Amino acid sequence: FLFAIQSFEAAPFYIFDEADAALDKENSLKLARMIKEVSKTSQFIAITHNDAIIKAADQIIGVALNQQKSSVIGLRLKERAATASNT
């Protein structure tokens, strides 16, 4: 439904909060492909634990609790892939 609305009148960004939590592996992969395709015209922020969604990301930001403090780690996957293919 959201992708149908997006194709009619796109917003600049979307936030998915564990939208994939109830999906099986096959449907998670389909969702990841759909997000990847639509992200050409809009940005997506997806809160997820699903590896299919994470692997499709251009950039990931991880937040972890360590000794009562949160730590944030960012990783640009496109840049890492380009660096890895050049070595």
PDB file of N, CA and C in Angstrom:
ATOM      1  N   PHE A   1       0.816  -1.188   0.000  1.00  0.00           N
ATOM      2  CA  PHE A   1       0.000   0.000   0.000  1.00  0.00           C
ATOM      3  C   PHE A   1       0.865   1.259   0.000  1.00  0.00           C
ATOM      4  N   LEU A   2       1.868   1.277   0.866  1.00  0.00           N
ATOM      5  CA  LEU A   2       2.749   2.446   0.952  1.00  0.00           C
ATOM      6  C   LEU A   2       3.487   2.681  -0.367  1.00  0.00           C
ATOM      7  N   PHE A   3       3.915   1.619  -1.017  1.00  0.00           N
ATOM      8  CA  PHE A   3       4.631   1.776  -2.282  1.00  0.00           C
ATOM      9  C   PHE A   3       3.700   2.268  -3.389  1.00  0.00           C
ATOM     10  N   ALA A   4       2.431   1.908  -3.332  1.00  0.00           N
ATOM     11  CA  ALA A   4       1.463   2.419  -4.305  1.00  0.00           C
ATOM     12  C   ALA A   4       1.278   3.923  -4.123  1.00  0.00           C
ATOM     13  N   ILE A   5       1.156   4.366  -2.893  1.00  0.00           N
ATOM     14  CA  ILE A   5       1.039   5.797  -2.612  1.00  0.00           C
ATOM     15  C   ILE A   5       2.313   6.510  -3.038  1.00  0.00           C
ATOM     16  N   GLN A   6       3.460   5.912  -2.753  1.00  0.00           N
ATOM     17  CA  GLN A   6       4.749   6.516  -3.089  1.00  0.00           C
ATOM     18  C   GLN A   6       4.879   6.709  -4.592  1.00  0.00           C
ATOM     19  N   SER A   7       4.375   5.789  -5.383  1.00  0.00           N
ATOM     20  CA  SER A   7       4.477   5.924  -6.837  1.00  0.00           C
ATOM     21  C   SER A   7       3.578   7.036  -7.365  1.00  0.00           C
ATOM     22  N   PHE A   8       2.538   7.367  -6.621  1.00  0.00           N
ATOM     23  CA  PHE A   8       1.632   8.442  -7.025  1.00  0.00           C
ATOM     24  C   PHE A   8       2.162   9.810  -6.604  1.00  0.00           C
ATOM     25  N   GLU A   9       2.548   9.931  -5.341  1.00  0.00           N
ATOM     26  CA  GLU A   9       3.065  11.198  -4.820  1.00  0.00           C
ATOM     27  C   GLU A   9       4.132  10.892  -3.767  1.00  0.00           C
ATOM     28  N   ALA A  10       5.369  10.943  -4.190  1.00  0.00           N
ATOM     29  CA  ALA A  10       6.487  10.535  -3.333  1.00  0.00           C
ATOM     30  C   ALA A  10       6.783  11.569  -2.251  1.00  0.00           C
ATOM     31  N   ALA A  11       7.127  11.065  -1.082  1.00  0.00           N
ATOM     32  CA  ALA A  11       7.633  11.910   0.002  1.00  0.00           C
ATOM     33  C   ALA A  11       9.160  11.900  -0.086  1.00  0.00           C
ATOM     34  N   PRO A  12       9.833  12.880   0.516  1.00  0.00           N
ATOM     35  CA  PRO A  12      11.296  12.897   0.435  1.00  0.00           C
ATOM     36  C   PRO A  12      11.954  11.755   1.216  1.00  0.00           C
ATOM     37  N   PHE A  13      11.293  11.279   2.289  1.00  0.00           N
ATOM     38  CA  PHE A  13      11.845  10.150   3.032  1.00  0.00           C
ATOM     39  C   PHE A  13      10.736   9.379   3.731  1.00  0.00           C
ATOM     40  N   TYR A  14      11.052   8.137   4.088  1.00  0.00           N
ATOM     41  CA  TYR A  14      10.127   7.243   4.780  1.00  0.00           C
ATOM     42  C   TYR A  14      10.869   6.602   5.941  1.00  0.00           C
ATOM     43  N   ILE A  15      10.147   6.310   7.016  1.00  0.00           N
ATOM     44  CA  ILE A  15      10.728   5.619   8.166  1.00  0.00           C
ATOM     45  C   ILE A  15       9.945   4.325   8.380  1.00  0.00           C
ATOM     46  N   PHE A  16      10.655   3.209   8.339  1.00  0.00           N
ATOM     47  CA  PHE A  16      10.068   1.897   8.612  1.00  0.00           C
ATOM     48  C   PHE A  16      10.605   1.420   9.956  1.00  0.00           C
ATOM     49  N   ASP A  17       9.726   1.186  10.902  1.00  0.00           N
ATOM     50  CA  ASP A  17      10.133   0.684  12.211  1.00  0.00           C
ATOM     51  C   ASP A  17       9.779  -0.796  12.291  1.00  0.00           C
ATOM     52  N   GLU A  18      10.738  -1.632  11.996  1.00  0.00           N
ATOM     53  CA  GLU A  18      10.595  -3.088  11.986  1.00  0.00           C
ATOM     54  C   GLU A  18       9.395  -3.538  11.155  1.00  0.00           C
ATOM     55  N   ALA A  19       9.220  -2.907   9.995  1.00  0.00           N
ATOM     56  CA  ALA A  19       8.127  -3.265   9.085  1.00  0.00           C
ATOM     57  C   ALA A  19       8.266  -4.694   8.578  1.00  0.00           C
ATOM     58  N   ASP A  20       9.463  -5.235   8.669  1.00  0.00           N
ATOM     59  CA  ASP A  20       9.751  -6.578   8.170  1.00  0.00           C
ATOM     60  C   ASP A  20       9.721  -7.644   9.263  1.00  0.00           C
ATOM     61  N   ALA A  21       9.346  -7.288  10.466  1.00  0.00           N
ATOM     62  CA  ALA A  21       9.454  -8.205  11.608  1.00  0.00           C
ATOM     63  C   ALA A  21       8.665  -9.502  11.416  1.00  0.00           C
ATOM     64  N   ALA A  22       7.514  -9.440  10.794  1.00  0.00           N
ATOM     65  CA  ALA A  22       6.679 -10.633  10.638  1.00  0.00           C
ATOM     66  C   ALA A  22       6.887 -11.341   9.299  1.00  0.00           C
ATOM     67  N   LEU A  23       7.816 -10.847   8.496  1.00  0.00           N
ATOM     68  CA  LEU A  23       8.023 -11.424   7.167  1.00  0.00           C
ATOM     69  C   LEU A  23       8.981 -12.609   7.200  1.00  0.00           C
ATOM     70  N   ASP A  24       8.726 -13.578   6.331  1.00  0.00           N
ATOM     71  CA  ASP A  24       9.675 -14.673   6.166  1.00  0.00           C
ATOM     72  C   ASP A  24      10.825 -14.200   5.273  1.00  0.00           C
ATOM     73  N   LYS A  25      11.814 -15.055   5.067  1.00  0.00           N
ATOM     74  CA  LYS A  25      13.019 -14.686   4.320  1.00  0.00           C
ATOM     75  C   LYS A  25      12.697 -14.222   2.894  1.00  0.00           C
ATOM     76  N   GLU A  26      11.854 -14.973   2.206  1.00  0.00           N
ATOM     77  CA  GLU A  26      11.514 -14.638   0.818  1.00  0.00           C
ATOM     78  C   GLU A  26      10.853 -13.262   0.715  1.00  0.00           C
ATOM     79  N   ASN A  27       9.906 -12.988   1.587  1.00  0.00           N
ATOM     80  CA  ASN A  27       9.226 -11.695   1.541  1.00  0.00           C
ATOM     81  C   ASN A  27      10.111 -10.565   2.048  1.00  0.00           C
ATOM     82  N   SER A  28      11.033 -10.860   2.939  1.00  0.00           N
ATOM     83  CA  SER A  28      12.012  -9.854   3.364  1.00  0.00           C
ATOM     84  C   SER A  28      12.899  -9.448   2.194  1.00  0.00           C
ATOM     85  N   LEU A  29      13.297 -10.417   1.385  1.00  0.00           N
ATOM     86  CA  LEU A  29      14.100 -10.115   0.197  1.00  0.00           C
ATOM     87  C   LEU A  29      13.310  -9.271  -0.805  1.00  0.00           C
ATOM     88  N   LYS A  30      12.021  -9.587  -0.962  1.00  0.00           N
ATOM     89  CA  LYS A  30      11.174  -8.789  -1.852  1.00  0.00           C
ATOM     90  C   LYS A  30      11.063  -7.353  -1.350  1.00  0.00           C
ATOM     91  N   LEU A  31      10.865  -7.193  -0.049  1.00  0.00           N
ATOM     92  CA  LEU A  31      10.781  -5.854   0.533  1.00  0.00           C
ATOM     93  C   LEU A  31      12.092  -5.105   0.339  1.00  0.00           C
ATOM     94  N   ALA A  32      13.204  -5.780   0.542  1.00  0.00           N
ATOM     95  CA  ALA A  32      14.515  -5.145   0.357  1.00  0.00           C
ATOM     96  C   ALA A  32      14.687  -4.668  -1.081  1.00  0.00           C
ATOM     97  N   ARG A  33      14.274  -5.480  -2.043  1.00  0.00           N
ATOM     98  CA  ARG A  33      14.368  -5.082  -3.455  1.00  0.00           C
ATOM     99  C   ARG A  33      13.467  -3.890  -3.762  1.00  0.00           C
ATOM    100  N   MET A  34      12.272  -3.890  -3.185  1.00  0.00           N
ATOM    101  CA  MET A  34      11.347  -2.776  -3.412  1.00  0.00           C
ATOM    102  C   MET A  34      11.904  -1.483  -2.821  1.00  0.00           C
ATOM    103  N   ILE A  35      12.438  -1.557  -1.615  1.00  0.00           N
ATOM    104  CA  ILE A  35      13.027  -0.370  -0.990  1.00  0.00           C
ATOM    105  C   ILE A  35      14.193   0.126  -1.829  1.00  0.00           C
ATOM    106  N   LYS A  36      15.034  -0.788  -2.284  1.00  0.00           N
ATOM    107  CA  LYS A  36      16.195  -0.413  -3.098  1.00  0.00           C
ATOM    108  C   LYS A  36      15.752   0.309  -4.369  1.00  0.00           C
ATOM    109  N   GLU A  37      14.731  -0.191  -5.016  1.00  0.00           N
ATOM    110  CA  GLU A  37      14.234   0.427  -6.250  1.00  0.00           C
ATOM    111  C   GLU A  37      13.651   1.813  -5.982  1.00  0.00           C
ATOM    112  N   VAL A  38      12.827   1.931  -4.975  1.00  0.00           N
ATOM    113  CA  VAL A  38      12.154   3.199  -4.683  1.00  0.00           C
ATOM    114  C   VAL A  38      13.124   4.213  -4.080  1.00  0.00           C
ATOM    115  N   SER A  39      14.216   3.740  -3.506  1.00  0.00           N
ATOM    116  CA  SER A  39      15.179   4.661  -2.886  1.00  0.00           C
ATOM    117  C   SER A  39      15.938   5.499  -3.915  1.00  0.00           C
ATOM    118  N   LYS A  40      15.698   5.251  -5.189  1.00  0.00           N
ATOM    119  CA  LYS A  40      16.292   6.100  -6.229  1.00  0.00           C
ATOM    120  C   LYS A  40      15.679   7.495  -6.211  1.00  0.00           C
ATOM    121  N   THR A  41      14.439   7.601  -5.697  1.00  0.00           N
ATOM    122  CA  THR A  41      13.749   8.890  -5.673  1.00  0.00           C
ATOM    123  C   THR A  41      13.421   9.380  -4.268  1.00  0.00           C
ATOM    124  N   SER A  42      13.529   8.534  -3.263  1.00  0.00           N
ATOM    125  CA  SER A  42      13.248   8.903  -1.875  1.00  0.00           C
ATOM    126  C   SER A  42      14.239   8.199  -0.961  1.00  0.00           C
ATOM    127  N   GLN A  43      14.433   8.751   0.225  1.00  0.00           N
ATOM    128  CA  GLN A  43      15.316   8.115   1.200  1.00  0.00           C
ATOM    129  C   GLN A  43      14.491   7.255   2.153  1.00  0.00           C
ATOM    130  N   PHE A  44      15.106   6.181   2.634  1.00  0.00           N
ATOM    131  CA  PHE A  44      14.447   5.283   3.568  1.00  0.00           C
ATOM    132  C   PHE A  44      15.300   5.114   4.810  1.00  0.00           C
ATOM    133  N   ILE A  45      14.659   5.200   5.953  1.00  0.00           N
ATOM    134  CA  ILE A  45      15.274   4.855   7.229  1.00  0.00           C
ATOM    135  C   ILE A  45      14.525   3.621   7.707  1.00  0.00           C
ATOM    136  N   ALA A  46      15.237   2.527   7.856  1.00  0.00           N
ATOM    137  CA  ALA A  46      14.604   1.274   8.258  1.00  0.00           C
ATOM    138  C   ALA A  46      15.230   0.789   9.554  1.00  0.00           C
ATOM    139  N   ILE A  47      14.421   0.654  10.570  1.00  0.00           N
ATOM    140  CA  ILE A  47      14.862   0.068  11.831  1.00  0.00           C
ATOM    141  C   ILE A  47      14.571  -1.423  11.709  1.00  0.00           C
ATOM    142  N   THR A  48      15.621  -2.234  11.767  1.00  0.00           N
ATOM    143  CA  THR A  48      15.445  -3.654  11.480  1.00  0.00           C
ATOM    144  C   THR A  48      16.522  -4.495  12.155  1.00  0.00           C
ATOM    145  N   HIS A  49      16.210  -5.772  12.308  1.00  0.00           N
ATOM    146  CA  HIS A  49      17.187  -6.778  12.725  1.00  0.00           C
ATOM    147  C   HIS A  49      17.365  -7.800  11.601  1.00  0.00           C
ATOM    148  N   ASN A  50      16.720  -7.554  10.480  1.00  0.00           N
ATOM    149  CA  ASN A  50      16.658  -8.500   9.377  1.00  0.00           C
ATOM    150  C   ASN A  50      17.867  -8.341   8.458  1.00  0.00           C
ATOM    151  N   ASP A  51      18.621  -9.412   8.285  1.00  0.00           N
ATOM    152  CA  ASP A  51      19.845  -9.328   7.477  1.00  0.00           C
ATOM    153  C   ASP A  51      19.573  -9.027   6.007  1.00  0.00           C
ATOM    154  N   ALA A  52      18.420  -9.421   5.469  1.00  0.00           N
ATOM    155  CA  ALA A  52      18.110  -9.119   4.069  1.00  0.00           C
ATOM    156  C   ALA A  52      17.977  -7.615   3.855  1.00  0.00           C
ATOM    157  N   ILE A  53      17.357  -6.935   4.777  1.00  0.00           N
ATOM    158  CA  ILE A  53      17.197  -5.483   4.678  1.00  0.00           C
ATOM    159  C   ILE A  53      18.542  -4.803   4.910  1.00  0.00           C
ATOM    160  N   ILE A  54      19.294  -5.274   5.881  1.00  0.00           N
ATOM    161  CA  ILE A  54      20.600  -4.679   6.189  1.00  0.00           C
ATOM    162  C   ILE A  54      21.550  -4.815   4.998  1.00  0.00           C
ATOM    163  N   LYS A  55      21.584  -5.986   4.375  1.00  0.00           N
ATOM    164  CA  LYS A  55      22.494  -6.211   3.243  1.00  0.00           C
ATOM    165  C   LYS A  55      22.154  -5.345   2.033  1.00  0.00           C
ATOM    166  N   ALA A  56      20.903  -4.935   1.905  1.00  0.00           N
ATOM    167  CA  ALA A  56      20.490  -4.107   0.772  1.00  0.00           C
ATOM    168  C   ALA A  56      20.773  -2.623   1.000  1.00  0.00           C
ATOM    169  N   ALA A  57      21.181  -2.263   2.202  1.00  0.00           N
ATOM    170  CA  ALA A  57      21.380  -0.849   2.551  1.00  0.00           C
ATOM    171  C   ALA A  57      22.640  -0.273   1.920  1.00  0.00           C
ATOM    172  N   ASP A  58      22.601   1.021   1.652  1.00  0.00           N
ATOM    173  CA  ASP A  58      23.796   1.748   1.219  1.00  0.00           C
ATOM    174  C   ASP A  58      24.619   2.183   2.426  1.00  0.00           C
ATOM    175  N   GLN A  59      23.933   2.422   3.530  1.00  0.00           N
ATOM    176  CA  GLN A  59      24.599   2.855   4.761  1.00  0.00           C
ATOM    177  C   GLN A  59      23.833   2.265   5.939  1.00  0.00           C
ATOM    178  N   ILE A  60      24.572   1.812   6.949  1.00  0.00           N
ATOM    179  CA  ILE A  60      23.922   1.323   8.162  1.00  0.00           C
ATOM    180  C   ILE A  60      24.459   2.092   9.361  1.00  0.00           C
ATOM    181  N   ILE A  61      23.604   2.247  10.338  1.00  0.00           N
ATOM    182  CA  ILE A  61      23.981   2.880  11.598  1.00  0.00           C
ATOM    183  C   ILE A  61      23.552   1.926  12.700  1.00  0.00           C
ATOM    184  N   GLY A  62      24.508   1.478  13.480  1.00  0.00           N
ATOM    185  CA  GLY A  62      24.221   0.564  14.574  1.00  0.00           C
ATOM    186  C   GLY A  62      24.282   1.287  15.903  1.00  0.00           C
ATOM    187  N   VAL A  63      23.383   0.933  16.798  1.00  0.00           N
ATOM    188  CA  VAL A  63      23.374   1.498  18.143  1.00  0.00           C
ATOM    189  C   VAL A  63      23.441   0.328  19.117  1.00  0.00           C
ATOM    190  N   ALA A  64      24.410   0.383  20.021  1.00  0.00           N
ATOM    191  CA  ALA A  64      24.596  -0.698  20.985  1.00  0.00           C
ATOM    192  C   ALA A  64      24.727  -0.123  22.389  1.00  0.00           C
ATOM    193  N   LEU A  65      24.196  -0.849  23.352  1.00  0.00           N
ATOM    194  CA  LEU A  65      24.326  -0.457  24.751  1.00  0.00           C
ATOM    195  C   LEU A  65      25.521  -1.186  25.337  1.00  0.00           C
ATOM    196  N   ASN A  66      26.457  -0.423  25.890  1.00  0.00           N
ATOM    197  CA  ASN A  66      27.669  -0.989  26.452  1.00  0.00           C
ATOM    198  C   ASN A  66      27.966  -0.287  27.767  1.00  0.00           C
ATOM    199  N   GLN A  67      27.897  -1.006  28.852  1.00  0.00           N
ATOM    200  CA  GLN A  67      28.172  -0.466  30.184  1.00  0.00           C
ATOM    201  C   GLN A  67      27.345   0.788  30.465  1.00  0.00           C
ATOM    202  N   GLN A  68      26.042   0.669  30.285  1.00  0.00           N
ATOM    203  CA  GLN A  68      25.081   1.734  30.574  1.00  0.00           C
ATOM    204  C   GLN A  68      25.209   2.952  29.662  1.00  0.00           C
ATOM    205  N   LYS A  69      25.942   2.847  28.564  1.00  0.00           N
ATOM    206  CA  LYS A  69      26.081   3.940  27.606  1.00  0.00           C
ATOM    207  C   LYS A  69      25.799   3.419  26.205  1.00  0.00           C
ATOM    208  N   SER A  70      25.157   4.230  25.412  1.00  0.00           N
ATOM    209  CA  SER A  70      24.919   3.864  24.018  1.00  0.00           C
ATOM    210  C   SER A  70      26.105   4.276  23.170  1.00  0.00           C
ATOM    211  N   SER A  71      26.461   3.428  22.252  1.00  0.00           N
ATOM    212  CA  SER A  71      27.493   3.785  21.281  1.00  0.00           C
ATOM    213  C   SER A  71      26.900   3.634  19.883  1.00  0.00           C
ATOM    214  N   VAL A  72      27.298   4.529  18.996  1.00  0.00           N
ATOM    215  CA  VAL A  72      26.766   4.565  17.638  1.00  0.00           C
ATOM    216  C   VAL A  72      27.899   4.299  16.656  1.00  0.00           C
ATOM    217  N   ILE A  73      27.636   3.405  15.711  1.00  0.00           N
ATOM    218  CA  ILE A  73      28.629   3.047  14.702  1.00  0.00           C
ATOM    219  C   ILE A  73      27.975   3.212  13.332  1.00  0.00           C
ATOM    220  N   GLY A  74      28.625   3.945  12.449  1.00  0.00           N
ATOM    221  CA  GLY A  74      28.112   4.131  11.094  1.00  0.00           C
ATOM    222  C   GLY A  74      29.007   3.442  10.086  1.00  0.00           C
ATOM    223  N   LEU A  75      28.416   2.918   9.028  1.00  0.00           N
ATOM    224  CA  LEU A  75      29.169   2.215   8.000  1.00  0.00           C
ATOM    225  C   LEU A  75      28.517   2.473   6.645  1.00  0.00           C
ATOM    226  N   ARG A  76      29.290   3.010   5.709  1.00  0.00           N
ATOM    227  CA  ARG A  76      28.796   3.242   4.343  1.00  0.00           C
ATOM    228  C   ARG A  76      29.164   2.020   3.500  1.00  0.00           C
ATOM    229  N   LEU A  77      28.185   1.221   3.174  1.00  0.00           N
ATOM    230  CA  LEU A  77      28.440  -0.041   2.488  1.00  0.00           C
ATOM    231  C   LEU A  77      28.862   0.150   1.041  1.00  0.00           C
ATOM    232  N   LYS A  78      28.349   1.163   0.357  1.00  0.00           N
ATOM    233  CA  LYS A  78      28.754   1.407  -1.031  1.00  0.00           C
ATOM    234  C   LYS A  78      30.247   1.687  -1.111  1.00  0.00           C
ATOM    235  N   GLU A  79      30.749   2.517  -0.201  1.00  0.00           N
ATOM    236  CA  GLU A  79      32.173   2.853  -0.200  1.00  0.00           C
ATOM    237  C   GLU A  79      33.023   1.632   0.108  1.00  0.00           C
ATOM    238  N   ARG A  80      32.581   0.810   1.047  1.00  0.00           N
ATOM    239  CA  ARG A  80      33.334  -0.401   1.388  1.00  0.00           C
ATOM    240  C   ARG A  80      33.363  -1.364   0.216  1.00  0.00           C
ATOM    241  N   ALA A  81      32.250  -1.489  -0.505  1.00  0.00           N
ATOM    242  CA  ALA A  81      32.201  -2.389  -1.661  1.00  0.00           C
ATOM    243  C   ALA A  81      33.142  -1.903  -2.756  1.00  0.00           C
ATOM    244  N   ALA A  82      33.185  -0.600  -2.977  1.00  0.00           N
ATOM    245  CA  ALA A  82      34.083  -0.043  -3.994  1.00  0.00           C
ATOM    246  C   ALA A  82      35.537  -0.253  -3.600  1.00  0.00           C
ATOM    247  N   THR A  83      35.854  -0.052  -2.329  1.00  0.00           N
ATOM    248  CA  THR A  83      37.216  -0.252  -1.838  1.00  0.00           C
ATOM    249  C   THR A  83      37.613  -1.718  -1.946  1.00  0.00           C
ATOM    250  N   ALA A  84      36.707  -2.615  -1.586  1.00  0.00           N
ATOM    251  CA  ALA A  84      37.001  -4.046  -1.632  1.00  0.00           C
ATOM    252  C   ALA A  84      37.217  -4.526  -3.064  1.00  0.00           C
ATOM    253  N   SER A  85      36.472  -3.986  -4.012  1.00  0.00           N
ATOM    254  CA  SER A  85      36.628  -4.437  -5.396  1.00  0.00           C
ATOM    255  C   SER A  85      37.894  -3.888  -6.044  1.00  0.00           C
ATOM    256  N   ASN A  86      38.483  -2.844  -5.461  1.00  0.00           N
ATOM    257  CA  ASN A  86      39.721  -2.267  -5.995  1.00  0.00           C
ATOM    258  C   ASN A  86      40.975  -2.943  -5.447  1.00  0.00           C
ATOM    259  N   THR A  87      40.816  -3.824  -4.466  1.00  0.00           N
ATOM    260  CA  THR A  87      41.995  -4.482  -3.883  1.00  0.00           C
ATOM    261  C   THR A  87      42.195  -5.853  -4.455  1.00  0.00           C
TER     262      THR A  87
END
